[in-house]
C-alpha atoms as a PDB file:
ATOM      1  CA  UNK A   1     -44.754   6.844  66.082  1.00  0.00           C
ATOM      2  CA  UNK A   2     -43.641   8.276  69.405  1.00  0.00           C
ATOM      3  CA  UNK A   3     -45.130   5.459  71.507  1.00  0.00           C
ATOM      4  CA  UNK A   4     -43.411   2.870  69.315  1.00  0.00           C
ATOM      5  CA  UNK A   5     -40.091   4.590  69.930  1.00  0.00           C
ATOM      6  CA  UNK A   6     -40.747   4.641  73.659  1.00  0.00           C
ATOM      7  CA  UNK A   7     -41.572   0.923  73.590  1.00  0.00           C
ATOM      8  CA  UNK A   8     -38.350   0.203  71.659  1.00  0.00           C
ATOM      9  CA  UNK A   9     -36.425   2.193  74.273  1.00  0.00           C
ATOM     10  CA  UNK A  10     -38.023   0.053  76.999  1.00  0.00           C
ATOM     11  CA  UNK A  11     -36.994  -3.125  75.179  1.00  0.00           C
ATOM     12  CA  UNK A  12     -33.402  -1.903  75.016  1.00  0.00           C
ATOM     13  CA  UNK A  13     -33.557  -1.055  78.732  1.00  0.00           C
ATOM     14  CA  UNK A  14     -34.580  -4.639  79.473  1.00  0.00           C
ATOM     15  CA  UNK A  15     -31.620  -5.855  77.401  1.00  0.00           C
ATOM     16  CA  UNK A  16     -29.368  -3.533  79.383  1.00  0.00           C
ATOM     17  CA  UNK A  17     -30.644  -4.797  82.724  1.00  0.00           C
ATOM     18  CA  UNK A  18     -30.423  -8.456  81.728  1.00  0.00           C
ATOM     19  CA  UNK A  19     -26.997  -8.330  80.033  1.00  0.00           C
ATOM     20  CA  UNK A  20     -24.691 -10.887  81.566  1.00  0.00           C
ATOM     21  CA  UNK A  21     -21.318  -9.899  80.161  1.00  0.00           C
ATOM     22  CA  UNK A  22     -19.649  -6.485  80.372  1.00  0.00           C
ATOM     23  CA  UNK A  23     -19.311  -6.374  76.577  1.00  0.00           C
ATOM     24  CA  UNK A  24     -23.042  -6.886  76.049  1.00  0.00           C
ATOM     25  CA  UNK A  25     -23.785  -4.425  78.802  1.00  0.00           C
ATOM     26  CA  UNK A  26     -21.674  -1.733  77.139  1.00  0.00           C
ATOM     27  CA  UNK A  27     -23.297  -2.378  73.767  1.00  0.00           C
ATOM     28  CA  UNK A  28     -26.771  -2.165  75.315  1.00  0.00           C
ATOM     29  CA  UNK A  29     -25.781   1.021  77.161  1.00  0.00           C
ATOM     30  CA  UNK A  30     -24.745   2.709  73.916  1.00  0.00           C
ATOM     31  CA  UNK A  31     -27.904   1.574  72.155  1.00  0.00           C
ATOM     32  CA  UNK A  32     -30.002   2.849  75.068  1.00  0.00           C
ATOM     33  CA  UNK A  33     -28.298   6.247  74.918  1.00  0.00           C
ATOM     34  CA  UNK A  34     -29.124   6.645  71.232  1.00  0.00           C
ATOM     35  CA  UNK A  35     -32.745   5.538  71.734  1.00  0.00           C
ATOM     36  CA  UNK A  36     -33.070   7.879  74.719  1.00  0.00           C
ATOM     37  CA  UNK A  37     -31.814  10.860  72.715  1.00  0.00           C
ATOM     38  CA  UNK A  38     -34.184   9.989  69.888  1.00  0.00           C
ATOM     39  CA  UNK A  39     -37.200   9.774  72.188  1.00  0.00           C
ATOM     40  CA  UNK A  40     -36.287  13.004  73.957  1.00  0.00           C
ATOM     41  CA  UNK A  41     -36.018  14.768  70.618  1.00  0.00           C
ATOM     42  CA  UNK A  42     -39.417  13.494  69.548  1.00  0.00           C
ATOM     43  CA  UNK A  43     -41.034  14.467  72.831  1.00  0.00           C
ATOM     44  CA  UNK A  44     -39.688  17.987  72.942  1.00  0.00           C
ATOM     45  CA  UNK A  45     -42.760  20.129  73.557  1.00  0.00           C
ATOM     46  CA  UNK A  46     -45.163  17.207  73.065  1.00  0.00           C
ATOM     47  CA  UNK A  47     -44.740  15.256  76.276  1.00  0.00           C
ATOM     48  CA  UNK A  48     -47.614  16.649  78.352  1.00  0.00           C
ATOM     49  CA  UNK A  49     -50.266  16.605  75.593  1.00  0.00           C
ATOM     50  CA  UNK A  50     -49.302  13.016  74.690  1.00  0.00           C
ATOM     51  CA  UNK A  51     -49.553  11.858  78.290  1.00  0.00           C
ATOM     52  CA  UNK A  52     -52.869  13.660  78.763  1.00  0.00           C
ATOM     53  CA  UNK A  53     -54.240  12.013  75.618  1.00  0.00           C
ATOM     54  CA  UNK A  54     -53.118   8.587  76.816  1.00  0.00           C
ATOM     55  CA  UNK A  55     -54.719   9.184  80.216  1.00  0.00           C
ATOM     56  CA  UNK A  56     -57.945  10.229  78.510  1.00  0.00           C
ATOM     57  CA  UNK A  57     -58.039   7.008  76.501  1.00  0.00           C
ATOM     58  CA  UNK A  58     -57.321   5.024  79.663  1.00  0.00           C
ATOM     59  CA  UNK A  59     -60.200   6.799  81.434  1.00  0.00           C
ATOM     60  CA  UNK A  60     -62.577   6.031  78.552  1.00  0.00           C
ATOM     61  CA  UNK A  61     -61.635   2.345  78.674  1.00  0.00           C
ATOM     62  CA  UNK A  62     -62.111   2.287  82.453  1.00  0.00           C
ATOM     63  CA  UNK A  63     -65.518   3.951  82.096  1.00  0.00           C
ATOM     64  CA  UNK A  64     -66.567   1.328  79.553  1.00  0.00           C
ATOM     65  CA  UNK A  65     -65.616  -1.389  82.062  1.00  0.00           C
ATOM     66  CA  UNK A  66     -67.416   0.412  84.891  1.00  0.00           C
ATOM     67  CA  UNK A  67     -64.252   1.149  86.897  1.00  0.00           C
ATOM     68  CA  UNK A  68     -65.439   4.430  88.346  1.00  0.00           C
ATOM     69  CA  UNK A  69     -62.632   4.773  90.888  1.00  0.00           C
ATOM     70  CA  UNK A  70     -60.069   4.700  88.070  1.00  0.00           C
ATOM     71  CA  UNK A  71     -62.079   7.248  86.088  1.00  0.00           C
ATOM     72  CA  UNK A  72     -62.257   9.476  89.161  1.00  0.00           C
ATOM     73  CA  UNK A  73     -58.486   9.300  89.797  1.00  0.00           C
ATOM     74  CA  UNK A  74     -57.606  10.098  86.188  1.00  0.00           C
ATOM     75  CA  UNK A  75     -60.140  12.931  86.021  1.00  0.00           C
ATOM     76  CA  UNK A  76     -58.724  14.382  89.210  1.00  0.00           C
ATOM     77  CA  UNK A  77     -55.162  14.234  87.831  1.00  0.00           C
ATOM     78  CA  UNK A  78     -56.198  15.838  84.549  1.00  0.00           C
ATOM     79  CA  UNK A  79     -58.212  18.591  86.223  1.00  0.00           C
ATOM     80  CA  UNK A  80     -55.300  19.453  88.532  1.00  0.00           C
ATOM     81  CA  UNK A  81     -53.086  19.932  85.476  1.00  0.00           C
ATOM     82  CA  UNK A  82     -55.669  21.768  83.389  1.00  0.00           C
ATOM     83  CA  UNK A  83     -54.779  25.246  84.652  1.00  0.00           C
ATOM     84  CA  UNK A  84     -51.514  25.124  82.710  1.00  0.00           C
ATOM     85  CA  UNK A  85     -53.296  24.226  79.483  1.00  0.00           C
ATOM     86  CA  UNK A  86     -55.999  26.866  79.379  1.00  0.00           C
ATOM     87  CA  UNK A  87     -56.288  28.553  76.015  1.00  0.00           C
ATOM     88  CA  UNK A  88     -56.321  32.299  76.337  1.00  0.00           C
ATOM     89  CA  UNK A  89     -58.906  34.132  74.201  1.00  0.00           C
ATOM     90  CA  UNK A  90     -57.427  36.104  71.332  1.00  0.00           C
END
């Protein structure tokens, strides 16, 4: 759900950047603002885990293809961030 909304926001951004008339540009700007607010609301508190999950899937796909340098880079990024996501024992 969230990634679809992000993709829709990107499509509106392309419309905004390719608008030729000021009227279309203003309309696209307003639509982009509403999409942006919607995406920000959906991502509140979820952004980092969603990005980490996406990176993990990307690393798995790269490993399946044998792209070890990509796997190494993603693993390094994830391990640098991991200290903020440690679960404290109860």
